[in-house]
Amino acid sequence: MPRKKGKSISFDAMVKFFMHNYEIPTKRDVEKLMARMDRLESLLTAAPAAVRSRSARRRTTVPAADAVLDVIKRSKQGLKFVDIQAKTGFVDKKIRNIIFRLHKLGKIKRHSRGVYLAI
């Protein structure tokens, strides 16, 4: 006795299944995202000037290397590593990298082990 064939699956149903299974965005999904992006852009452009100026002030902070160099310049006899860490509040690794870079650039010199002077 021949087996009865099941209902054939349409091509559209297969495409929809694969798009859903592999999380491929549809045209509708992209249009929703574009609408949300447009809303966000309009909100950002309509933001008050005070909010925008606050974000601009954040970008003008002193770089960490300049902060360490200023701390070292203020000391006439030089500073120890521990003193630099206490005055700047940076972690060990960050200070070590900054000191290495400043020494390589010739902005500071090593007076003795762990003591640094500004040039």
N, C-alpha and C. Protein backbone atom coordinates (compact mmCIF):
# COMPACT_ATOMS: atom_id res chain seq x y z
N MET A 1 0.83 -1.15 0.00
CA MET A 1 0.00 0.00 0.00
C MET A 1 0.90 1.25 0.00
N PRO A 2 0.66 2.15 -0.93
CA PRO A 2 1.52 3.34 -1.00
C PRO A 2 1.24 4.30 0.16
N ARG A 3 2.30 4.93 0.59
CA ARG A 3 2.16 5.89 1.69
C ARG A 3 1.54 7.19 1.18
N LYS A 4 0.79 7.77 2.06
CA LYS A 4 0.15 9.02 1.70
C LYS A 4 1.14 10.16 1.96
N LYS A 5 1.35 10.99 0.98
CA LYS A 5 2.26 12.12 1.14
C LYS A 5 1.58 13.19 1.97
N GLY A 6 2.42 13.83 2.84
CA GLY A 6 1.89 14.91 3.67
C GLY A 6 1.70 16.17 2.87
N LYS A 7 1.23 17.15 3.53
CA LYS A 7 0.99 18.43 2.90
C LYS A 7 2.33 19.05 2.52
N SER A 8 2.45 19.53 1.31
CA SER A 8 3.71 20.12 0.87
C SER A 8 3.88 21.49 1.54
N ILE A 9 5.12 21.80 1.84
CA ILE A 9 5.43 23.05 2.53
C ILE A 9 5.73 24.12 1.48
N SER A 10 5.16 25.27 1.68
CA SER A 10 5.38 26.34 0.72
C SER A 10 6.77 26.95 0.90
N PHE A 11 7.26 27.55 -0.15
CA PHE A 11 8.58 28.17 -0.12
C PHE A 11 8.61 29.32 0.89
N ASP A 12 7.54 30.11 0.95
CA ASP A 12 7.47 31.23 1.89
C ASP A 12 7.56 30.74 3.34
N ALA A 13 6.90 29.63 3.63
CA ALA A 13 6.95 29.08 4.98
C ALA A 13 8.36 28.63 5.34
N MET A 14 9.08 28.05 4.39
CA MET A 14 10.46 27.62 4.64
C MET A 14 11.36 28.83 4.90
N VAL A 15 11.20 29.87 4.09
CA VAL A 15 12.02 31.07 4.26
C VAL A 15 11.74 31.69 5.63
N LYS A 16 10.47 31.78 5.98
CA LYS A 16 10.10 32.35 7.27
C LYS A 16 10.68 31.52 8.42
N PHE A 17 10.64 30.20 8.29
CA PHE A 17 11.20 29.31 9.31
C PHE A 17 12.70 29.55 9.47
N PHE A 18 13.46 29.62 8.36
CA PHE A 18 14.91 29.82 8.45
C PHE A 18 15.26 31.21 8.98
N MET A 19 14.50 32.21 8.58
CA MET A 19 14.77 33.56 9.08
C MET A 19 14.55 33.63 10.59
N HIS A 20 13.49 32.98 11.04
CA HIS A 20 13.22 32.96 12.48
C HIS A 20 14.25 32.12 13.22
N ASN A 21 14.61 30.97 12.65
CA ASN A 21 15.54 30.04 13.30
C ASN A 21 16.95 30.64 13.41
N TYR A 22 17.40 31.36 12.38
CA TYR A 22 18.75 31.93 12.37
C TYR A 22 18.78 33.41 12.76
N GLU A 23 17.65 33.90 13.27
CA GLU A 23 17.52 35.26 13.77
C GLU A 23 17.96 36.30 12.75
N ILE A 24 17.50 36.16 11.53
CA ILE A 24 17.77 37.11 10.47
C ILE A 24 16.69 38.17 10.53
N PRO A 25 17.07 39.44 10.62
CA PRO A 25 16.04 40.48 10.74
C PRO A 25 15.24 40.64 9.44
N THR A 26 13.97 40.93 9.61
CA THR A 26 13.10 41.14 8.47
C THR A 26 13.07 42.63 8.12
N LYS A 27 12.43 42.96 7.04
CA LYS A 27 12.31 44.36 6.63
C LYS A 27 11.58 45.16 7.70
N ARG A 28 10.57 44.55 8.29
CA ARG A 28 9.81 45.22 9.35
C ARG A 28 10.69 45.52 10.56
N ASP A 29 11.57 44.56 10.92
CA ASP A 29 12.49 44.77 12.05
C ASP A 29 13.42 45.95 11.78
N VAL A 30 13.94 46.01 10.58
CA VAL A 30 14.86 47.10 10.21
C VAL A 30 14.12 48.43 10.23
N GLU A 31 12.89 48.46 9.75
CA GLU A 31 12.12 49.70 9.76
C GLU A 31 11.84 50.16 11.18
N LYS A 32 11.54 49.24 12.09
CA LYS A 32 11.33 49.60 13.49
C LYS A 32 12.59 50.19 14.10
N LEU A 33 13.74 49.58 13.80
CA LEU A 33 15.00 50.11 14.32
C LEU A 33 15.29 51.51 13.77
N MET A 34 15.02 51.71 12.49
CA MET A 34 15.25 53.03 11.90
C MET A 34 14.35 54.08 12.54
N ALA A 35 13.10 53.72 12.83
CA ALA A 35 12.18 54.65 13.49
C ALA A 35 12.68 55.01 14.88
N ARG A 36 13.19 54.03 15.60
CA ARG A 36 13.73 54.29 16.94
C ARG A 36 14.97 55.17 16.87
N MET A 37 15.82 54.93 15.87
CA MET A 37 17.02 55.76 15.69
C MET A 37 16.64 57.20 15.38
N ASP A 38 15.63 57.38 14.55
CA ASP A 38 15.17 58.73 14.23
C ASP A 38 14.66 59.45 15.47
N ARG A 39 13.91 58.72 16.30
CA ARG A 39 13.41 59.31 17.55
C ARG A 39 14.55 59.71 18.46
N LEU A 40 15.56 58.85 18.59
CA LEU A 40 16.71 59.16 19.44
C LEU A 40 17.48 60.37 18.92
N GLU A 41 17.67 60.45 17.62
CA GLU A 41 18.36 61.60 17.03
C GLU A 41 17.60 62.88 17.30
N SER A 42 16.28 62.83 17.17
CA SER A 42 15.50 64.05 17.41
C SER A 42 15.56 64.44 18.88
N LEU A 43 15.58 63.48 19.79
CA LEU A 43 15.71 63.78 21.21
C LEU A 43 17.07 64.39 21.53
N LEU A 44 18.11 63.88 20.89
CA LEU A 44 19.45 64.42 21.15
C LEU A 44 19.61 65.83 20.61
N THR A 45 19.04 66.10 19.46
CA THR A 45 19.15 67.45 18.91
C THR A 45 18.29 68.43 19.68
N ALA A 46 17.22 67.95 20.30
CA ALA A 46 16.34 68.83 21.06
C ALA A 46 16.77 68.95 22.52
N ALA A 47 17.87 68.28 22.92
CA ALA A 47 18.34 68.33 24.30
C ALA A 47 18.75 69.74 24.66
N PRO A 48 18.50 70.15 25.90
CA PRO A 48 18.88 71.51 26.30
C PRO A 48 20.40 71.70 26.24
N ALA A 49 20.82 72.93 26.08
CA ALA A 49 22.24 73.24 25.94
C ALA A 49 23.01 72.88 27.20
N ALA A 50 22.39 72.95 28.37
CA ALA A 50 23.09 72.64 29.62
C ALA A 50 23.53 71.19 29.67
N VAL A 51 22.69 70.31 29.16
CA VAL A 51 23.04 68.90 29.16
C VAL A 51 24.19 68.65 28.21
N ARG A 52 24.15 69.27 27.04
CA ARG A 52 25.23 69.09 26.08
C ARG A 52 26.53 69.69 26.58
N SER A 53 26.47 70.83 27.29
CA SER A 53 27.71 71.44 27.78
C SER A 53 28.33 70.60 28.88
N ARG A 54 27.51 69.91 29.66
CA ARG A 54 28.06 69.02 30.69
C ARG A 54 28.87 67.90 30.08
N SER A 55 28.38 67.32 28.99
CA SER A 55 29.12 66.25 28.33
C SER A 55 30.39 66.80 27.70
N ALA A 56 30.37 68.04 27.24
CA ALA A 56 31.57 68.64 26.66
C ALA A 56 32.61 68.88 27.74
N ARG A 57 32.19 69.22 28.95
CA ARG A 57 33.14 69.44 30.04
C ARG A 57 33.84 68.15 30.43
N ARG A 58 33.16 67.04 30.33
CA ARG A 58 33.78 65.77 30.70
C ARG A 58 34.95 65.44 29.79
N ARG A 59 34.88 65.84 28.54
CA ARG A 59 35.94 65.52 27.60
C ARG A 59 37.19 66.34 27.84
N THR A 60 37.10 67.41 28.62
CA THR A 60 38.25 68.28 28.84
C THR A 60 39.00 67.91 30.12
N THR A 61 38.80 66.75 30.65
CA THR A 61 39.53 66.34 31.84
C THR A 61 41.00 66.15 31.52
N VAL A 62 41.83 66.28 32.54
CA VAL A 62 43.27 66.17 32.36
C VAL A 62 43.63 64.70 32.15
N PRO A 63 44.42 64.39 31.13
CA PRO A 63 44.85 63.00 30.94
C PRO A 63 45.67 62.52 32.13
N ALA A 64 45.66 61.23 32.33
CA ALA A 64 46.33 60.65 33.50
C ALA A 64 47.82 60.93 33.48
N ALA A 65 48.45 60.88 32.31
CA ALA A 65 49.90 61.12 32.24
C ALA A 65 50.22 62.56 32.65
N ASP A 66 49.38 63.50 32.26
CA ASP A 66 49.61 64.90 32.65
C ASP A 66 49.42 65.08 34.15
N ALA A 67 48.46 64.37 34.73
CA ALA A 67 48.23 64.47 36.17
C ALA A 67 49.44 63.95 36.94
N VAL A 68 49.99 62.82 36.50
CA VAL A 68 51.17 62.25 37.17
C VAL A 68 52.37 63.18 37.00
N LEU A 69 52.54 63.73 35.80
CA LEU A 69 53.66 64.63 35.55
C LEU A 69 53.55 65.89 36.41
N ASP A 70 52.35 66.44 36.56
CA ASP A 70 52.16 67.61 37.41
C ASP A 70 52.50 67.32 38.86
N VAL A 71 52.11 66.15 39.34
CA VAL A 71 52.42 65.76 40.73
C VAL A 71 53.93 65.66 40.91
N ILE A 72 54.62 65.08 39.94
CA ILE A 72 56.07 64.93 40.05
C ILE A 72 56.76 66.29 39.95
N LYS A 73 56.25 67.19 39.09
CA LYS A 73 56.84 68.52 38.93
C LYS A 73 56.75 69.34 40.21
N ARG A 74 55.71 69.16 40.99
CA ARG A 74 55.52 69.92 42.21
C ARG A 74 56.53 69.58 43.29
N SER A 75 57.17 68.44 43.18
CA SER A 75 58.13 68.01 44.19
C SER A 75 59.55 68.33 43.71
N LYS A 76 60.34 69.00 44.56
CA LYS A 76 61.70 69.38 44.16
C LYS A 76 62.70 68.25 44.36
N GLN A 77 62.50 67.43 45.38
CA GLN A 77 63.42 66.32 45.64
C GLN A 77 63.01 65.04 44.91
N GLY A 78 61.90 65.07 44.24
CA GLY A 78 61.41 63.87 43.58
C GLY A 78 60.37 63.18 44.44
N LEU A 79 59.64 62.29 43.83
CA LEU A 79 58.58 61.57 44.54
C LEU A 79 58.79 60.07 44.43
N LYS A 80 58.42 59.39 45.50
CA LYS A 80 58.43 57.94 45.48
C LYS A 80 57.15 57.46 44.82
N PHE A 81 57.20 56.21 44.39
CA PHE A 81 56.05 55.61 43.71
C PHE A 81 54.81 55.64 44.60
N VAL A 82 54.99 55.34 45.88
CA VAL A 82 53.86 55.30 46.82
C VAL A 82 53.24 56.69 46.96
N ASP A 83 54.07 57.73 46.98
CA ASP A 83 53.55 59.09 47.10
C ASP A 83 52.76 59.48 45.85
N ILE A 84 53.26 59.09 44.68
CA ILE A 84 52.54 59.38 43.44
C ILE A 84 51.18 58.70 43.46
N GLN A 85 51.17 57.46 43.93
CA GLN A 85 49.92 56.71 43.99
C GLN A 85 48.95 57.37 44.97
N ALA A 86 49.45 57.83 46.11
CA ALA A 86 48.57 58.46 47.10
C ALA A 86 47.99 59.78 46.58
N LYS A 87 48.80 60.56 45.87
CA LYS A 87 48.34 61.87 45.41
C LYS A 87 47.41 61.79 44.19
N THR A 88 47.63 60.80 43.32
CA THR A 88 46.78 60.70 42.13
C THR A 88 45.59 59.78 42.33
N GLY A 89 45.75 58.75 43.15
CA GLY A 89 44.66 57.80 43.37
C GLY A 89 44.56 56.73 42.29
N PHE A 90 45.57 56.67 41.40
CA PHE A 90 45.56 55.66 40.35
C PHE A 90 46.07 54.33 40.89
N VAL A 91 45.74 53.25 40.20
CA VAL A 91 46.19 51.92 40.60
C VAL A 91 47.64 51.71 40.16
N ASP A 92 48.30 50.69 40.75
CA ASP A 92 49.72 50.43 40.49
C ASP A 92 50.04 50.32 39.01
N LYS A 93 49.33 49.48 38.31
CA LYS A 93 49.64 49.19 36.91
C LYS A 93 49.57 50.45 36.05
N LYS A 94 48.57 51.27 36.30
CA LYS A 94 48.40 52.50 35.52
C LYS A 94 49.58 53.44 35.75
N ILE A 95 49.98 53.60 37.01
CA ILE A 95 51.11 54.49 37.32
C ILE A 95 52.40 53.95 36.72
N ARG A 96 52.60 52.65 36.80
CA ARG A 96 53.82 52.06 36.22
C ARG A 96 53.88 52.31 34.72
N ASN A 97 52.78 52.14 34.04
CA ASN A 97 52.75 52.39 32.59
C ASN A 97 53.00 53.86 32.27
N ILE A 98 52.41 54.75 33.05
CA ILE A 98 52.59 56.18 32.81
C ILE A 98 54.04 56.58 33.07
N ILE A 99 54.63 56.09 34.16
CA ILE A 99 56.02 56.42 34.48
C ILE A 99 56.95 55.89 33.39
N PHE A 100 56.71 54.69 32.92
CA PHE A 100 57.52 54.13 31.83
C PHE A 100 57.45 55.02 30.60
N ARG A 101 56.23 55.43 30.25
CA ARG A 101 56.03 56.24 29.06
C ARG A 101 56.67 57.62 29.21
N LEU A 102 56.50 58.25 30.40
CA LEU A 102 57.09 59.57 30.63
C LEU A 102 58.61 59.50 30.61
N HIS A 103 59.18 58.43 31.16
CA HIS A 103 60.63 58.26 31.14
C HIS A 103 61.13 58.05 29.71
N LYS A 104 60.39 57.28 28.95
CA LYS A 104 60.76 57.02 27.56
C LYS A 104 60.71 58.30 26.72
N LEU A 105 59.75 59.19 27.02
CA LEU A 105 59.63 60.46 26.32
C LEU A 105 60.63 61.50 26.81
N GLY A 106 61.29 61.23 27.92
CA GLY A 106 62.29 62.15 28.46
C GLY A 106 61.70 63.26 29.31
N LYS A 107 60.51 63.08 29.82
CA LYS A 107 59.88 64.11 30.64
C LYS A 107 60.22 63.95 32.12
N ILE A 108 60.58 62.75 32.52
CA ILE A 108 61.02 62.51 33.90
C ILE A 108 62.29 61.69 33.86
N LYS A 109 63.01 61.69 35.00
CA LYS A 109 64.18 60.82 35.11
C LYS A 109 64.10 60.09 36.44
N ARG A 110 64.77 58.98 36.50
CA ARG A 110 64.80 58.18 37.72
C ARG A 110 65.99 58.63 38.56
N HIS A 111 65.69 59.23 39.70
CA HIS A 111 66.75 59.70 40.61
C HIS A 111 67.41 58.51 41.28
N SER A 112 66.60 57.62 41.79
CA SER A 112 67.06 56.37 42.36
C SER A 112 65.89 55.39 42.24
N ARG A 113 66.07 54.21 42.77
CA ARG A 113 65.02 53.20 42.63
C ARG A 113 63.73 53.68 43.29
N GLY A 114 62.70 53.85 42.46
CA GLY A 114 61.39 54.24 42.97
C GLY A 114 61.22 55.73 43.22
N VAL A 115 62.23 56.54 42.89
CA VAL A 115 62.14 58.00 43.09
C VAL A 115 62.27 58.66 41.72
N TYR A 116 61.33 59.54 41.39
CA TYR A 116 61.26 60.14 40.06
C TYR A 116 61.29 61.66 40.15
N LEU A 117 62.06 62.28 39.22
CA LEU A 117 62.17 63.74 39.13
C LEU A 117 61.70 64.20 37.76
N ALA A 118 61.09 65.38 37.73
CA ALA A 118 60.69 65.97 36.46
C ALA A 118 61.90 66.68 35.84
N ILE A 119 61.98 66.64 34.53
CA ILE A 119 63.09 67.30 33.83
C ILE A 119 62.67 68.67 33.40
